[in-house]
């Protein structure tokens, strides 16, 4: 079973990998998140936590969304 934080990390890493394969060096990223009305706060906290880990690890800021 995939952890909620891993979902965010995978979403970012897939795109960073694609960019790296082309020799690009991104300066930041934008993200849009569509969630259902029944999405709970626990999911969002874990998602954000996973994303924050990669923002720090790859030194790539979230610029908006």
Protein backbone atom coordinates (compact mmCIF):
# COMPACT_ATOMS: atom_id res chain seq x y z
CA UNK A 1 0.00 0.00 0.00
CA UNK A 2 1.37 3.39 -0.96
CA UNK A 3 1.72 5.94 1.83
CA UNK A 4 -0.02 9.24 1.33
CA UNK A 5 3.21 11.21 1.59
CA UNK A 6 4.74 9.00 -1.08
CA UNK A 7 2.01 10.06 -3.52
CA UNK A 8 3.21 13.65 -3.38
CA UNK A 9 6.85 12.64 -3.60
CA UNK A 10 6.19 10.46 -6.65
CA UNK A 11 4.26 13.25 -8.39
CA UNK A 12 7.25 15.56 -8.03
CA UNK A 13 10.01 13.02 -8.64
CA UNK A 14 8.54 11.71 -11.90
CA UNK A 15 8.64 15.19 -13.34
CA UNK A 16 12.08 16.00 -11.92
CA UNK A 17 13.39 12.78 -13.46
CA UNK A 18 11.96 13.69 -16.87
CA UNK A 19 13.55 17.13 -16.70
CA UNK A 20 16.91 15.74 -15.55
CA UNK A 21 16.94 13.29 -18.46
CA UNK A 22 16.78 16.28 -20.79
CA UNK A 23 19.52 18.15 -18.94
CA UNK A 24 17.17 20.73 -17.44
CA UNK A 25 17.78 22.28 -14.03
CA UNK A 26 14.43 23.45 -12.68
CA UNK A 27 14.29 26.46 -10.38
CA UNK A 28 10.90 25.65 -8.87
CA UNK A 29 7.59 23.96 -9.55
CA UNK A 30 3.87 24.61 -9.68
CA UNK A 31 1.32 22.12 -8.46
CA UNK A 32 -2.44 21.80 -8.76
CA UNK A 33 -4.26 19.36 -6.50
CA UNK A 34 -7.81 18.24 -7.10
CA UNK A 35 -9.39 16.60 -4.08
CA UNK A 36 -12.83 15.34 -3.24
CA UNK A 37 -15.10 16.80 -0.62
CA UNK A 38 -14.54 13.76 1.56
CA UNK A 39 -10.75 14.23 1.69
CA UNK A 40 -9.77 14.40 5.32
CA UNK A 41 -7.23 16.58 7.07
CA UNK A 42 -4.98 13.61 7.82
CA UNK A 43 -4.56 12.92 4.10
CA UNK A 44 -3.67 16.54 3.39
CA UNK A 45 -1.16 16.73 6.26
CA UNK A 46 0.59 13.54 5.12
CA UNK A 47 0.57 14.66 1.47
CA UNK A 48 2.07 18.03 2.38
CA UNK A 49 4.64 16.39 4.65
CA UNK A 50 5.83 14.10 1.85
CA UNK A 51 6.03 16.99 -0.57
CA UNK A 52 7.94 19.10 1.94
CA UNK A 53 10.55 16.35 2.31
CA UNK A 54 11.33 16.47 -1.40
CA UNK A 55 11.22 20.26 -1.56
CA UNK A 56 14.01 20.22 1.02
CA UNK A 57 15.91 17.26 -0.45
CA UNK A 58 16.02 18.63 -3.99
CA UNK A 59 16.14 22.34 -3.03
CA UNK A 60 13.28 23.11 -5.37
CA UNK A 61 10.60 25.44 -4.07
CA UNK A 62 6.89 25.29 -4.69
CA UNK A 63 6.25 28.53 -6.57
CA UNK A 64 2.48 28.34 -6.74
CA UNK A 65 -0.40 26.39 -8.04
